[in-house]
């Protein structure tokens, strides 16, 4: 994941990095919490969603893991019951948005825009197989080196909602 400073140095075709930057709950996490978040995302991608198993794997490195996970869940970093359901941008539940990373691992993302964001989250080239929420038409994208390198259909349009105006991002994306 990029720091705020790193993100603000990126160049985009149609917008400035300042226009696209979102202050959100993930960039302000302590380093330890960021590392745990990445560990949980990778666990979900590997189909290991049991919160108890995740705690057990982390307790030697983080003796206070129970308190950390409670704090992270209360801050909305992830959604879980006994299993992780969502840890932005990764979904443990099937969605219409399937992502394949260059390392070969595949997973579901929470929405189409989140799928594109996984390229920056994991710093890997990705392929996305999705469906239009209006027509059901297949959508395929490839991102590499910070750029959209291919897409179908050819007349694809992507809409972005200004999420700075919402606290429930999943319900507005």
Protein backbone atom coordinates (compact mmCIF):
# COMPACT_ATOMS: atom_id res chain seq x y z
CA UNK A 1 0.00 0.00 0.00
CA UNK A 2 1.22 3.50 -0.73
CA UNK A 3 1.80 6.07 1.96
CA UNK A 4 -0.02 9.36 1.49
CA UNK A 5 3.20 10.98 0.28
CA UNK A 6 3.89 8.18 -2.22
CA UNK A 7 0.32 8.28 -3.55
CA UNK A 8 0.40 12.05 -4.00
CA UNK A 9 3.50 11.66 -6.21
CA UNK A 10 1.69 9.32 -8.64
CA UNK A 11 0.56 10.65 -12.01
CA UNK A 12 -2.84 9.84 -13.51
CA UNK A 13 -4.17 10.56 -16.97
CA UNK A 14 -7.37 12.47 -16.21
CA UNK A 15 -7.10 13.52 -12.56
CA UNK A 16 -4.49 14.80 -10.18
CA UNK A 17 -3.43 12.53 -7.35
CA UNK A 18 -4.91 15.08 -4.92
CA UNK A 19 -8.35 14.66 -6.56
CA UNK A 20 -8.18 10.87 -6.19
CA UNK A 21 -6.66 10.68 -2.72
CA UNK A 22 -9.02 9.51 0.01
CA UNK A 23 -8.34 9.92 3.70
CA UNK A 24 -9.44 6.56 4.98
CA UNK A 25 -9.20 4.27 7.91
CA UNK A 26 -6.47 2.10 6.39
CA UNK A 27 -3.79 4.69 5.73
CA UNK A 28 -3.86 5.89 9.34
CA UNK A 29 -3.33 2.46 10.87
CA UNK A 30 -0.24 1.88 12.96
CA UNK A 31 2.46 -0.17 11.19
CA UNK A 32 1.64 -3.20 13.34
CA UNK A 33 -2.05 -2.95 12.40
CA UNK A 34 -1.18 -2.54 8.71
CA UNK A 35 0.95 -5.70 8.86
CA UNK A 36 -1.88 -7.60 10.55
CA UNK A 37 -4.34 -6.31 7.93
CA UNK A 38 -2.13 -7.59 5.11
CA UNK A 39 -1.74 -10.93 6.90
CA UNK A 40 -5.53 -11.23 7.20
CA UNK A 41 -6.05 -10.30 3.52
CA UNK A 42 -3.55 -12.96 2.46
CA UNK A 43 -5.22 -15.49 4.77
CA UNK A 44 -8.62 -14.77 3.20
CA UNK A 45 -7.12 -15.06 -0.28
CA UNK A 46 -5.75 -18.46 0.78
CA UNK A 47 -9.28 -19.43 2.00
CA UNK A 48 -8.26 -19.27 5.67
CA UNK A 49 -11.05 -17.18 7.16
CA UNK A 50 -11.38 -18.51 10.73
CA UNK A 51 -10.78 -15.63 13.12
CA UNK A 52 -9.62 -18.08 15.78
CA UNK A 53 -7.05 -19.65 13.41
CA UNK A 54 -5.80 -16.21 12.40
CA UNK A 55 -5.42 -15.25 16.08
CA UNK A 56 -3.50 -18.45 16.77
CA UNK A 57 -1.12 -17.81 13.87
CA UNK A 58 -0.43 -14.26 15.06
CA UNK A 59 -0.31 -14.65 18.85
CA UNK A 60 3.43 -15.45 19.08
CA UNK A 61 4.39 -12.33 17.13
CA UNK A 62 1.65 -10.17 18.69
CA UNK A 63 0.83 -11.28 22.26
CA UNK A 64 -1.91 -8.60 22.37
CA UNK A 65 -3.57 -9.88 19.17
CA UNK A 66 -6.98 -10.30 20.82
CA UNK A 67 -7.11 -6.61 21.74
CA UNK A 68 -5.70 -5.56 18.37
CA UNK A 69 -8.33 -7.52 16.44
CA UNK A 70 -11.14 -6.14 18.60
CA UNK A 71 -9.88 -2.60 17.97
CA UNK A 72 -9.52 -3.21 14.23
CA UNK A 73 -13.00 -4.71 13.98
CA UNK A 74 -14.51 -1.82 15.96
CA UNK A 75 -12.81 0.63 13.56
CA UNK A 76 -14.36 -1.20 10.60
CA UNK A 77 -11.07 -2.52 9.23
CA UNK A 78 -12.72 -5.90 8.73
CA UNK A 79 -16.13 -7.52 9.11
CA UNK A 80 -16.33 -10.89 10.83
CA UNK A 81 -18.34 -13.19 13.00
CA UNK A 82 -16.33 -16.35 13.72
CA UNK A 83 -14.96 -15.95 10.17
CA UNK A 84 -13.62 -12.97 8.26
CA UNK A 85 -16.25 -11.84 5.74
CA UNK A 86 -14.60 -8.70 4.32
CA UNK A 87 -11.30 -6.97 4.76
CA UNK A 88 -11.19 -4.17 2.23
CA UNK A 89 -10.74 -4.71 -0.65
CA UNK A 90 -10.88 -8.52 -0.30
CA UNK A 91 -14.15 -10.40 0.12
CA UNK A 92 -14.29 -13.88 1.60
CA UNK A 93 -17.79 -14.15 0.13
CA UNK A 94 -18.36 -14.62 -3.61
CA UNK A 95 -19.04 -11.44 -5.57
CA UNK A 96 -19.21 -10.59 -9.27
CA UNK A 97 -15.66 -9.27 -9.12
CA UNK A 98 -12.89 -11.85 -9.44
CA UNK A 99 -9.25 -10.75 -9.34
CA UNK A 100 -6.19 -12.74 -10.39
CA UNK A 101 -2.81 -11.44 -9.26
CA UNK A 102 0.41 -11.98 -11.17
CA UNK A 103 1.49 -14.49 -8.48
CA UNK A 104 -1.47 -16.65 -9.63
CA UNK A 105 -3.61 -16.16 -6.52
CA UNK A 106 -7.28 -15.41 -7.15
CA UNK A 107 -9.90 -13.82 -4.91
CA UNK A 108 -13.11 -11.83 -4.84
CA UNK A 109 -13.16 -8.10 -4.25
CA UNK A 110 -15.97 -6.09 -2.74
CA UNK A 111 -16.78 -4.02 -5.84
CA UNK A 112 -15.46 -3.24 -9.31
CA UNK A 113 -13.47 -0.18 -8.25
CA UNK A 114 -12.01 -2.13 -5.33
CA UNK A 115 -10.88 -4.74 -7.85
CA UNK A 116 -8.83 -2.10 -9.63
CA UNK A 117 -7.45 -0.87 -6.31
CA UNK A 118 -6.01 -4.30 -5.54
CA UNK A 119 -3.32 -3.56 -8.12
CA UNK A 120 -2.03 -0.83 -5.81
CA UNK A 121 -2.75 -2.69 -2.57
CA UNK A 122 -0.70 -5.75 -3.53
CA UNK A 123 1.77 -4.05 -5.94
CA UNK A 124 1.16 -6.73 -8.57
CA UNK A 125 -0.21 -6.84 -12.10
CA UNK A 126 -3.80 -8.04 -12.02
CA UNK A 127 -6.56 -9.35 -14.25
CA UNK A 128 -10.17 -8.64 -13.33
CA UNK A 129 -13.21 -10.60 -14.47
CA UNK A 130 -16.38 -8.81 -13.51
CA UNK A 131 -19.94 -8.14 -14.64
CA UNK A 132 -21.76 -4.89 -15.27
CA UNK A 133 -24.25 -4.34 -12.44
CA UNK A 134 -26.80 -2.95 -14.93
CA UNK A 135 -26.54 -5.30 -17.93
CA UNK A 136 -24.76 -8.39 -16.61
CA UNK A 137 -22.26 -8.06 -19.48
CA UNK A 138 -18.80 -9.50 -18.83
CA UNK A 139 -16.07 -6.98 -18.11
CA UNK A 140 -12.38 -7.82 -18.26
CA UNK A 141 -9.52 -5.54 -17.26
CA UNK A 142 -5.76 -5.84 -16.94
CA UNK A 143 -3.66 -3.44 -14.88
CA UNK A 144 0.12 -3.27 -14.99
CA UNK A 145 2.63 -0.72 -13.74
CA UNK A 146 -0.11 1.53 -12.39
CA UNK A 147 -2.00 1.63 -15.68
CA UNK A 148 -5.04 0.06 -17.28
CA UNK A 149 -3.40 -1.85 -20.16
CA UNK A 150 -6.42 -3.64 -21.62
CA UNK A 151 -10.16 -3.85 -21.21
CA UNK A 152 -13.26 -5.28 -22.77
CA UNK A 153 -15.75 -4.29 -23.86
CA UNK A 154 -14.01 -1.57 -25.85
CA UNK A 155 -16.65 1.04 -24.96
CA UNK A 156 -16.22 0.50 -21.21
CA UNK A 157 -16.90 3.48 -18.93
CA UNK A 158 -15.97 3.55 -15.26
CA UNK A 159 -17.86 5.75 -12.83
CA UNK A 160 -16.31 6.85 -9.57
CA UNK A 161 -18.24 8.08 -6.55
CA UNK A 162 -16.58 10.67 -4.30
CA UNK A 163 -16.29 8.43 -1.27
CA UNK A 164 -15.03 11.28 0.89
CA UNK A 165 -18.71 12.18 1.23
CA UNK A 166 -19.72 8.75 2.62
CA UNK A 167 -18.85 6.65 5.66
CA UNK A 168 -20.50 3.46 4.31
CA UNK A 169 -18.30 3.00 1.29
CA UNK A 170 -19.55 -0.44 0.36
CA UNK A 171 -23.10 0.86 0.13
CA UNK A 172 -22.08 3.74 -2.15
CA UNK A 173 -19.60 2.18 -4.54
